[in-house]
C-alpha atoms as a PDB file:
ATOM      1  CA  HIS A   1      18.686  28.500  -8.269  1.00  0.00           C
ATOM      2  CA  CYS A   2      14.788  28.059  -6.539  1.00  0.00           C
ATOM      3  CA  MET A   3      16.420  29.101  -3.344  1.00  0.00           C
ATOM      4  CA  GLN A   4      17.335  32.500  -4.915  1.00  0.00           C
ATOM      5  CA  THR A   5      15.593  35.422  -3.670  1.00  0.00           C
ATOM      6  CA  ASN A   6      15.828  37.309  -6.528  1.00  0.00           C
ATOM      7  CA  PRO A   7      16.242  34.978  -9.225  1.00  0.00           C
ATOM      8  CA  ASP A   8      17.460  36.928 -12.629  1.00  0.00           C
ATOM      9  CA  TYR A   9      14.035  36.499 -14.983  1.00  0.00           C
ATOM     10  CA  THR A  10      15.943  38.411 -17.558  1.00  0.00           C
ATOM     11  CA  TRP A  11      15.800  35.371 -20.171  1.00  0.00           C
ATOM     12  CA  GLN A  12      12.340  34.975 -20.651  1.00  0.00           C
ATOM     13  CA  SER A  13      11.530  38.243 -22.981  1.00  0.00           C
ATOM     14  CA  TYR A  14      14.311  36.195 -25.565  1.00  0.00           C
ATOM     15  CA  ALA A  15      12.795  33.230 -24.359  1.00  0.00           C
ATOM     16  CA  PHE A  16       9.495  34.718 -25.309  1.00  0.00           C
ATOM     17  CA  GLU A  17      10.282  36.101 -28.730  1.00  0.00           C
ATOM     18  CA  ILE A  18      11.588  32.877 -30.197  1.00  0.00           C
ATOM     19  CA  MET A  19       8.817  30.661 -29.138  1.00  0.00           C
ATOM     20  CA  ARG A  20       6.518  33.554 -30.479  1.00  0.00           C
ATOM     21  CA  GLN A  21       8.225  32.657 -34.245  1.00  0.00           C
ATOM     22  CA  TYR A  22       7.758  29.121 -33.724  1.00  0.00           C
ATOM     23  CA  VAL A  23       4.265  30.056 -32.604  1.00  0.00           C
ATOM     24  CA  LYS A  24       3.870  31.633 -35.883  1.00  0.00           C
ATOM     25  CA  ARG A  25       5.214  29.039 -38.151  1.00  0.00           C
ATOM     26  CA  THR A  26       2.908  25.883 -36.652  1.00  0.00           C
ATOM     27  CA  GLN A  27      -0.282  25.491 -36.380  1.00  0.00           C
ATOM     28  CA  GLY A  28      -1.684  24.826 -32.647  1.00  0.00           C
ATOM     29  CA  SER A  29       1.135  25.964 -30.918  1.00  0.00           C
ATOM     30  CA  PHE A  30       1.268  28.299 -28.403  1.00  0.00           C
ATOM     31  CA  ILE A  31       2.852  29.627 -25.864  1.00  0.00           C
ATOM     32  CA  GLU A  32       2.244  28.930 -21.926  1.00  0.00           C
ATOM     33  CA  SER A  33       3.997  30.906 -18.753  1.00  0.00           C
ATOM     34  CA  LYS A  34       4.277  29.587 -15.910  1.00  0.00           C
ATOM     35  CA  GLY A  35       6.404  31.904 -13.667  1.00  0.00           C
ATOM     36  CA  SER A  36       9.569  30.445 -13.934  1.00  0.00           C
ATOM     37  CA  ALA A  37       9.489  29.004 -16.796  1.00  0.00           C
ATOM     38  CA  LEU A  38       8.414  29.317 -20.461  1.00  0.00           C
ATOM     39  CA  VAL A  39       6.128  26.653 -22.314  1.00  0.00           C
ATOM     40  CA  TRP A  40       6.140  26.018 -26.205  1.00  0.00           C
ATOM     41  CA  GLN A  41       3.404  23.791 -26.183  1.00  0.00           C
ATOM     42  CA  TYR A  42       2.655  22.105 -29.400  1.00  0.00           C
ATOM     43  CA  ARG A  43       0.300  19.280 -28.489  1.00  0.00           C
ATOM     44  CA  ASP A  44      -2.419  20.830 -30.812  1.00  0.00           C
ATOM     45  CA  ALA A  45      -0.180  21.229 -33.345  1.00  0.00           C
ATOM     46  CA  ASP A  46       0.453  18.174 -36.161  1.00  0.00           C
ATOM     47  CA  GLN A  47       2.819  15.712 -34.226  1.00  0.00           C
ATOM     48  CA  HIS A  48       5.660  15.443 -36.892  1.00  0.00           C
ATOM     49  CA  PHE A  49       6.226  18.896 -38.047  1.00  0.00           C
ATOM     50  CA  GLY A  50       5.633  20.024 -34.092  1.00  0.00           C
ATOM     51  CA  SER A  51       8.566  17.563 -33.302  1.00  0.00           C
ATOM     52  CA  TRP A  52      10.774  18.633 -35.950  1.00  0.00           C
ATOM     53  CA  GLN A  53      10.348  22.076 -34.356  1.00  0.00           C
ATOM     54  CA  ALA A  54      10.765  21.593 -31.250  1.00  0.00           C
ATOM     55  CA  LYS A  55      13.981  20.080 -31.694  1.00  0.00           C
ATOM     56  CA  GLU A  56      14.870  23.102 -33.468  1.00  0.00           C
ATOM     57  CA  LEU A  57      13.429  25.826 -31.065  1.00  0.00           C
ATOM     58  CA  SER A  58      15.690  23.819 -28.130  1.00  0.00           C
ATOM     59  CA  THR A  59      19.273  23.983 -30.101  1.00  0.00           C
ATOM     60  CA  ASN A  60      17.964  27.698 -30.924  1.00  0.00           C
ATOM     61  CA  LEU A  61      17.360  28.262 -27.174  1.00  0.00           C
ATOM     62  CA  LYS A  62      20.763  26.994 -25.989  1.00  0.00           C
ATOM     63  CA  ASP A  63      22.124  28.637 -28.709  1.00  0.00           C
ATOM     64  CA  LEU A  64      20.269  32.373 -27.285  1.00  0.00           C
ATOM     65  CA  LEU A  65      19.881  31.184 -23.601  1.00  0.00           C
ATOM     66  CA  PHE A  66      24.028  30.162 -23.070  1.00  0.00           C
ATOM     67  CA  GLY A  67      25.266  31.990 -19.233  1.00  0.00           C
ATOM     68  CA  PHE A  68      21.739  32.324 -17.912  1.00  0.00           C
ATOM     69  CA  ASP A  69      21.001  30.345 -15.087  1.00  0.00           C
ATOM     70  CA  VAL A  70      18.222  27.672 -16.706  1.00  0.00           C
ATOM     71  CA  GLU A  71      17.546  24.330 -18.628  1.00  0.00           C
ATOM     72  CA  ILE A  72      15.978  24.030 -21.489  1.00  0.00           C
ATOM     73  CA  VAL A  73      13.979  20.772 -21.139  1.00  0.00           C
ATOM     74  CA  ASN A  74      11.884  18.896 -24.155  1.00  0.00           C
ATOM     75  CA  GLY A  75       8.535  16.758 -22.846  1.00  0.00           C
ATOM     76  CA  LYS A  76       5.649  14.805 -24.296  1.00  0.00           C
ATOM     77  CA  GLY A  77       4.267  17.748 -26.800  1.00  0.00           C
ATOM     78  CA  HIS A  78       5.931  21.328 -25.392  1.00  0.00           C
ATOM     79  CA  VAL A  79       9.872  23.398 -25.098  1.00  0.00           C
ATOM     80  CA  GLU A  80      10.307  24.488 -21.300  1.00  0.00           C
ATOM     81  CA  VAL A  81      12.543  26.552 -20.712  1.00  0.00           C
ATOM     82  CA  LYS A  82      12.866  26.896 -16.546  1.00  0.00           C
ATOM     83  CA  LEU A  83      15.311  28.092 -14.078  1.00  0.00           C
ATOM     84  CA  ARG A  84      17.933  25.584 -13.501  1.00  0.00           C
ATOM     85  CA  GLY A  85      16.956  23.923  -9.965  1.00  0.00           C
ATOM     86  CA  VAL A  86      13.160  24.288 -10.166  1.00  0.00           C
ATOM     87  CA  ASN A  87      11.204  21.434 -10.771  1.00  0.00           C
ATOM     88  CA  LYS A  88       8.882  19.226  -9.077  1.00  0.00           C
ATOM     89  CA  GLY A  89      10.522  17.251  -6.951  1.00  0.00           C
ATOM     90  CA  VAL A  90      12.140  20.208  -5.190  1.00  0.00           C
ATOM     91  CA  ALA A  91       7.830  21.485  -5.155  1.00  0.00           C
ATOM     92  CA  CYS A  92       6.830  18.538  -3.812  1.00  0.00           C
ATOM     93  CA  THR A  93       9.823  17.712  -0.929  1.00  0.00           C
ATOM     94  CA  ARG A  94       8.673  21.290   0.247  1.00  0.00           C
ATOM     95  CA  VAL A  95       5.295  20.270   0.100  1.00  0.00           C
ATOM     96  CA  LEU A  96       6.151  17.412   2.124  1.00  0.00           C
ATOM     97  CA  ALA A  97       7.815  19.041   4.665  1.00  0.00           C
ATOM     98  CA  LYS A  98       5.156  21.861   5.409  1.00  0.00           C
ATOM     99  CA  VAL A  99       2.314  19.641   5.627  1.00  0.00           C
ATOM    100  CA  THR A 100       4.987  17.214   7.660  1.00  0.00           C
ATOM    101  CA  GLN A 101       5.293  20.148  10.144  1.00  0.00           C
ATOM    102  CA  LEU A 102       1.761  21.496  10.533  1.00  0.00           C
ATOM    103  CA  PHE A 103      -0.418  18.204  10.831  1.00  0.00           C
ATOM    104  CA  GLY A 104       2.629  15.340  11.289  1.00  0.00           C
ATOM    105  CA  GLU A 105       3.607  12.815   9.667  1.00  0.00           C
ATOM    106  CA  VAL A 106       2.338  11.938   6.160  1.00  0.00           C
ATOM    107  CA  ASP A 107       1.237   8.299   4.827  1.00  0.00           C
ATOM    108  CA  PHE A 108      -0.813   8.588   1.773  1.00  0.00           C
ATOM    109  CA  VAL A 109       0.747  10.130  -1.221  1.00  0.00           C
ATOM    110  CA  LEU A 110      -1.005  10.010  -4.575  1.00  0.00           C
ATOM    111  CA  CYS A 111       1.108  10.867  -7.439  1.00  0.00           C
ATOM    112  CA  ILE A 112       0.291  10.418 -10.953  1.00  0.00           C
ATOM    113  CA  GLY A 113       2.706  10.994 -14.041  1.00  0.00           C
ATOM    114  CA  ASP A 114       3.187  10.732 -17.460  1.00  0.00           C
ATOM    115  CA  ASP A 115       6.371  13.131 -18.746  1.00  0.00           C
ATOM    116  CA  ARG A 116      10.244  13.658 -17.896  1.00  0.00           C
ATOM    117  CA  SER A 117       9.504  16.145 -16.260  1.00  0.00           C
ATOM    118  CA  ASP A 118       7.100  14.371 -12.815  1.00  0.00           C
ATOM    119  CA  GLU A 119      10.424  11.995 -12.274  1.00  0.00           C
ATOM    120  CA  ALA A 120      11.948  13.894  -9.888  1.00  0.00           C
ATOM    121  CA  MET A 121       8.783  14.186  -8.160  1.00  0.00           C
ATOM    122  CA  PHE A 122       8.573  10.310  -8.244  1.00  0.00           C
ATOM    123  CA  GLU A 123      12.393  10.596  -7.320  1.00  0.00           C
ATOM    124  CA  ALA A 124      11.319  13.379  -4.328  1.00  0.00           C
ATOM    125  CA  LEU A 125       8.413  10.767  -3.065  1.00  0.00           C
ATOM    126  CA  THR A 126      10.735   7.515  -2.996  1.00  0.00           C
ATOM    127  CA  ALA A 127      13.469   9.776  -0.997  1.00  0.00           C
ATOM    128  CA  TYR A 128      10.675  10.909   1.242  1.00  0.00           C
ATOM    129  CA  PHE A 129       9.652   7.623   2.275  1.00  0.00           C
ATOM    130  CA  GLY A 130      12.346   5.301   2.247  1.00  0.00           C
ATOM    131  CA  ASN A 131      12.860   2.245   0.778  1.00  0.00           C
ATOM    132  CA  ASP A 132      11.440  -0.797   2.151  1.00  0.00           C
ATOM    133  CA  GLU A 133      15.026  -2.581   1.018  1.00  0.00           C
ATOM    134  CA  GLU A 134      16.663  -0.489   3.454  1.00  0.00           C
ATOM    135  CA  GLY A 135      14.953  -1.853   6.514  1.00  0.00           C
ATOM    136  CA  ASN A 136      12.302   1.158   6.973  1.00  0.00           C
ATOM    137  CA  ASP A 137       9.506  -0.665   9.204  1.00  0.00           C
ATOM    138  CA  SER A 138       7.815   2.600   9.574  1.00  0.00           C
ATOM    139  CA  THR A 139       6.832   3.105   5.594  1.00  0.00           C
ATOM    140  CA  SER A 140       5.352   1.228   3.153  1.00  0.00           C
ATOM    141  CA  SER A 141       6.159   2.822  -0.288  1.00  0.00           C
ATOM    142  CA  GLN A 142       5.237   1.371  -3.276  1.00  0.00           C
ATOM    143  CA  VAL A 143       5.472   2.129  -6.689  1.00  0.00           C
ATOM    144  CA  SER A 144       3.761   0.809  -9.271  1.00  0.00           C
ATOM    145  CA  THR A 145       3.425   2.001 -13.257  1.00  0.00           C
ATOM    146  CA  THR A 146       0.236   1.822 -15.310  1.00  0.00           C
ATOM    147  CA  ASP A 147      -0.287   2.381 -19.665  1.00  0.00           C
ATOM    148  CA  GLU A 148      -0.693   5.834 -20.190  1.00  0.00           C
ATOM    149  CA  THR A 149      -4.620   5.676 -20.728  1.00  0.00           C
ATOM    150  CA  SER A 150      -6.881   8.011 -17.928  1.00  0.00           C
ATOM    151  CA  GLU A 151      -8.190   4.299 -17.208  1.00  0.00           C
ATOM    152  CA  GLY A 152      -5.120   2.908 -16.024  1.00  0.00           C
ATOM    153  CA  ALA A 153      -4.690   5.271 -13.546  1.00  0.00           C
ATOM    154  CA  ARG A 154      -8.593   5.197 -12.350  1.00  0.00           C
ATOM    155  CA  SER A 155      -7.807   1.755 -11.721  1.00  0.00           C
ATOM    156  CA  GLU A 156      -4.724   2.159  -9.837  1.00  0.00           C
ATOM    157  CA  ILE A 157      -6.775   4.677  -7.820  1.00  0.00           C
ATOM    158  CA  ASP A 158      -9.154   2.974  -7.080  1.00  0.00           C
ATOM    159  CA  ALA A 159      -6.752   0.122  -5.852  1.00  0.00           C
ATOM    160  CA  ALA A 160      -5.138   2.241  -3.790  1.00  0.00           C
ATOM    161  CA  ALA A 161      -8.379   3.338  -2.234  1.00  0.00           C
ATOM    162  CA  ARG A 162      -9.631   0.098  -1.570  1.00  0.00           C
ATOM    163  CA  GLY A 163      -6.277  -0.868   0.446  1.00  0.00           C
ATOM    164  CA  VAL A 164      -6.526   2.498   2.409  1.00  0.00           C
ATOM    165  CA  ALA A 165     -10.308   1.864   3.460  1.00  0.00           C
ATOM    166  CA  THR A 166      -8.756  -1.985   4.692  1.00  0.00           C
ATOM    167  CA  GLY A 167      -5.816  -1.054   6.150  1.00  0.00           C
ATOM    168  CA  SER A 168      -4.066  -2.959   3.389  1.00  0.00           C
ATOM    169  CA  SER A 169      -1.255  -2.338   1.197  1.00  0.00           C
ATOM    170  CA  PRO A 170      -2.903  -2.286  -2.315  1.00  0.00           C
ATOM    171  CA  LEU A 171      -0.276  -2.329  -4.319  1.00  0.00           C
END
């Protein structure tokens, strides 16, 4: 898991080799290494063909990597193989703990995501800030969803900035 001091990364060479085969047959795809994860990206490939290849790759990876402490995640335009328990939520929790330790209580976090892999991050923030419905008076947590365009995100950021400037809750 992510708390291991010496996690087993031998799975990466196996995953890389099978992903390499899919890069050869899927124009526009590539492999990205993220340290604790390997990602086959097909966002620049033909989406129909890429999606079909992603399903096949995911099945092959699950068979090949059975027994390793990894998760195979199908995301928007990618297939990711990562160490089990390593996710954006864990990272977010650790960052918030460190910031709180160094600077005191965190009063504002802007968190934007567009993929299933972002859900753990949102859950971690909800857990950190609590929920107004549970009687948490010390914080005002707001969750707002918007369309998938950058313009929608910009309007949310503008609203949040106005709220910070006036001291009110914008969302």
